[in-house]
Amino acid sequence: MANIPKEVLVQKALSNLTPDDRLIFEQSFQRKAKSTGVTYLLWFFFGLHYAYLGQWGMQFIYWFTAGGLFLWALIDLFRIPSLVDGSNRDLAVQTLHDLRLISGNGRN
């Protein structure tokens, strides 16, 4: 697959879907989509925001460095919305692949 931005890939795939396929995608994606609010709560109370977003490697590094001696934790306070957006873009692409609504070059 070429270096097509994920946003473009998802938009193109969604524009080619039938209404039934779009409904299936939306239902499946909504079950998996991550919430910015939940991410903030996990960051504040437990420092588990990377785990929630499925980035376990980053989570272990975060724990091991005590949130980069709290500097990393402070920076993440402002990065959480973009981290969630990136995670949800990845989930949208994965959901389309799982439902076989797109392949490497577009719709099957």
C-alpha atoms as a PDB file:
ATOM      1  CA  MET A   1       0.000   0.000   0.000  1.00  0.00           C
ATOM      2  CA  ALA A   2       1.339   3.435  -0.876  1.00  0.00           C
ATOM      3  CA  ASN A   3       1.827   6.078   1.792  1.00  0.00           C
ATOM      4  CA  ILE A   4      -1.780   7.208   1.639  1.00  0.00           C
ATOM      5  CA  PRO A   5      -2.802   9.143   4.779  1.00  0.00           C
ATOM      6  CA  LYS A   6      -5.217   7.126   6.883  1.00  0.00           C
ATOM      7  CA  GLU A   7      -7.804   9.913   6.821  1.00  0.00           C
ATOM      8  CA  VAL A   8      -7.883   9.806   3.007  1.00  0.00           C
ATOM      9  CA  LEU A   9      -8.041   6.009   2.942  1.00  0.00           C
ATOM     10  CA  VAL A  10     -10.966   5.951   5.374  1.00  0.00           C
ATOM     11  CA  GLN A  11     -12.849   8.764   3.610  1.00  0.00           C
ATOM     12  CA  LYS A  12     -12.430   7.093   0.223  1.00  0.00           C
ATOM     13  CA  ALA A  13     -13.565   3.727   1.568  1.00  0.00           C
ATOM     14  CA  LEU A  14     -16.572   5.253   3.334  1.00  0.00           C
ATOM     15  CA  SER A  15     -17.647   7.149   0.224  1.00  0.00           C
ATOM     16  CA  ASN A  16     -17.773   3.856  -1.702  1.00  0.00           C
ATOM     17  CA  LEU A  17     -19.850   1.963   0.856  1.00  0.00           C
ATOM     18  CA  THR A  18     -23.446   1.000   0.427  1.00  0.00           C
ATOM     19  CA  PRO A  19     -25.782   2.282   3.156  1.00  0.00           C
ATOM     20  CA  ASP A  20     -25.866  -1.196   4.714  1.00  0.00           C
ATOM     21  CA  ASP A  21     -22.065  -1.481   4.737  1.00  0.00           C
ATOM     22  CA  ARG A  22     -21.766   2.019   6.194  1.00  0.00           C
ATOM     23  CA  LEU A  23     -24.173   1.090   9.006  1.00  0.00           C
ATOM     24  CA  ILE A  24     -22.190  -2.071   9.752  1.00  0.00           C
ATOM     25  CA  PHE A  25     -18.963  -0.052   9.813  1.00  0.00           C
ATOM     26  CA  GLU A  26     -20.399   2.654  12.066  1.00  0.00           C
ATOM     27  CA  GLN A  27     -21.775   0.148  14.565  1.00  0.00           C
ATOM     28  CA  SER A  28     -18.529  -1.816  14.672  1.00  0.00           C
ATOM     29  CA  PHE A  29     -16.367   1.307  14.909  1.00  0.00           C
ATOM     30  CA  GLN A  30     -18.469   2.867  17.689  1.00  0.00           C
ATOM     31  CA  ARG A  31     -18.007  -0.256  19.822  1.00  0.00           C
ATOM     32  CA  LYS A  32     -14.221   0.097  19.531  1.00  0.00           C
ATOM     33  CA  ALA A  33     -13.738   3.891  19.414  1.00  0.00           C
ATOM     34  CA  LYS A  34     -11.778   5.498  22.232  1.00  0.00           C
ATOM     35  CA  SER A  35     -13.065   8.429  24.274  1.00  0.00           C
ATOM     36  CA  THR A  36     -11.031  11.532  25.085  1.00  0.00           C
ATOM     37  CA  GLY A  37     -12.835  11.858  28.419  1.00  0.00           C
ATOM     38  CA  VAL A  38     -12.060   8.290  29.485  1.00  0.00           C
ATOM     39  CA  THR A  39      -8.456   8.784  28.380  1.00  0.00           C
ATOM     40  CA  TYR A  40      -8.136  11.895  30.564  1.00  0.00           C
ATOM     41  CA  LEU A  41      -9.634  10.061  33.544  1.00  0.00           C
ATOM     42  CA  LEU A  42      -7.232   7.143  33.136  1.00  0.00           C
ATOM     43  CA  TRP A  43      -4.304   9.570  32.752  1.00  0.00           C
ATOM     44  CA  PHE A  44      -5.265  11.479  35.896  1.00  0.00           C
ATOM     45  CA  PHE A  45      -6.120   8.630  38.245  1.00  0.00           C
ATOM     46  CA  PHE A  46      -3.983   5.705  37.127  1.00  0.00           C
ATOM     47  CA  GLY A  47      -1.583   6.785  34.377  1.00  0.00           C
ATOM     48  CA  LEU A  48      -3.159   4.116  32.154  1.00  0.00           C
ATOM     49  CA  HIS A  49      -3.922   6.221  29.093  1.00  0.00           C
ATOM     50  CA  TYR A  50      -1.474   4.459  26.763  1.00  0.00           C
ATOM     51  CA  ALA A  51      -2.830   1.048  27.758  1.00  0.00           C
ATOM     52  CA  TYR A  52      -6.379   2.225  27.033  1.00  0.00           C
ATOM     53  CA  LEU A  53      -5.228   3.343  23.582  1.00  0.00           C
ATOM     54  CA  GLY A  54      -3.628  -0.057  22.954  1.00  0.00           C
ATOM     55  CA  GLN A  55      -0.023   1.157  23.191  1.00  0.00           C
ATOM     56  CA  TRP A  56       1.299  -1.243  25.809  1.00  0.00           C
ATOM     57  CA  GLY A  57       4.957  -0.687  24.945  1.00  0.00           C
ATOM     58  CA  MET A  58       4.581   3.038  25.596  1.00  0.00           C
ATOM     59  CA  GLN A  59       2.618   2.266  28.759  1.00  0.00           C
ATOM     60  CA  PHE A  60       5.449   0.197  30.240  1.00  0.00           C
ATOM     61  CA  ILE A  61       8.004   2.877  29.361  1.00  0.00           C
ATOM     62  CA  TYR A  62       5.717   5.508  30.893  1.00  0.00           C
ATOM     63  CA  TRP A  63       5.478   3.504  34.114  1.00  0.00           C
ATOM     64  CA  PHE A  64       9.187   2.657  34.182  1.00  0.00           C
ATOM     65  CA  THR A  65      10.182   6.344  33.875  1.00  0.00           C
ATOM     66  CA  ALA A  66       7.434   7.530  36.261  1.00  0.00           C
ATOM     67  CA  GLY A  67       5.874   9.510  33.460  1.00  0.00           C
ATOM     68  CA  GLY A  68       9.248  10.876  32.371  1.00  0.00           C
ATOM     69  CA  LEU A  69       9.713  12.166  35.921  1.00  0.00           C
ATOM     70  CA  PHE A  70       6.283  13.765  35.504  1.00  0.00           C
ATOM     71  CA  LEU A  71       7.417  15.964  32.593  1.00  0.00           C
ATOM     72  CA  TRP A  72       6.086  13.417  30.078  1.00  0.00           C
ATOM     73  CA  ALA A  73       2.869  13.221  32.105  1.00  0.00           C
ATOM     74  CA  LEU A  74       2.442  16.985  31.880  1.00  0.00           C
ATOM     75  CA  ILE A  75       3.084  16.997  28.127  1.00  0.00           C
ATOM     76  CA  ASP A  76       0.564  14.169  27.671  1.00  0.00           C
ATOM     77  CA  LEU A  77      -2.059  16.377  29.295  1.00  0.00           C
ATOM     78  CA  PHE A  78      -2.007  18.429  26.090  1.00  0.00           C
ATOM     79  CA  ARG A  79      -1.373  15.520  23.703  1.00  0.00           C
ATOM     80  CA  ILE A  80      -4.291  13.311  24.723  1.00  0.00           C
ATOM     81  CA  PRO A  81      -6.780  14.640  22.122  1.00  0.00           C
ATOM     82  CA  SER A  82      -4.340  13.952  19.269  1.00  0.00           C
ATOM     83  CA  LEU A  83      -3.410  10.552  20.733  1.00  0.00           C
ATOM     84  CA  VAL A  84      -7.091   9.579  20.832  1.00  0.00           C
ATOM     85  CA  ASP A  85      -7.653  10.878  17.280  1.00  0.00           C
ATOM     86  CA  GLY A  86      -4.708   8.842  16.007  1.00  0.00           C
ATOM     87  CA  SER A  87      -5.904   5.754  17.817  1.00  0.00           C
ATOM     88  CA  ASN A  88      -9.412   6.169  16.396  1.00  0.00           C
ATOM     89  CA  ARG A  89      -8.035   6.621  12.860  1.00  0.00           C
ATOM     90  CA  ASP A  90      -6.121   3.364  13.268  1.00  0.00           C
ATOM     91  CA  LEU A  91      -9.287   1.701  14.574  1.00  0.00           C
ATOM     92  CA  ALA A  92     -11.302   2.976  11.594  1.00  0.00           C
ATOM     93  CA  VAL A  93      -8.797   1.501   9.140  1.00  0.00           C
ATOM     94  CA  GLN A  94      -8.640  -1.763  11.082  1.00  0.00           C
ATOM     95  CA  THR A  95     -12.446  -1.953  11.264  1.00  0.00           C
ATOM     96  CA  LEU A  96     -12.712  -1.477   7.495  1.00  0.00           C
ATOM     97  CA  HIS A  97     -10.121  -4.222   6.971  1.00  0.00           C
ATOM     98  CA  ASP A  98     -11.819  -6.545   9.469  1.00  0.00           C
ATOM     99  CA  LEU A  99     -15.144  -6.095   7.714  1.00  0.00           C
ATOM    100  CA  ARG A 100     -13.365  -6.615   4.386  1.00  0.00           C
ATOM    101  CA  LEU A 101     -14.745  -3.319   3.141  1.00  0.00           C
ATOM    102  CA  ILE A 102     -11.320  -2.223   1.915  1.00  0.00           C
ATOM    103  CA  SER A 103      -8.231  -4.021   0.766  1.00  0.00           C
ATOM    104  CA  GLY A 104      -4.741  -2.692   0.164  1.00  0.00           C
ATOM    105  CA  ASN A 105      -5.851  -0.731  -2.910  1.00  0.00           C
ATOM    106  CA  GLY A 106      -9.402   0.205  -2.014  1.00  0.00           C
ATOM    107  CA  ARG A 107     -12.737  -1.579  -1.941  1.00  0.00           C
ATOM    108  CA  ASN A 108     -12.739  -5.320  -2.694  1.00  0.00           C
END
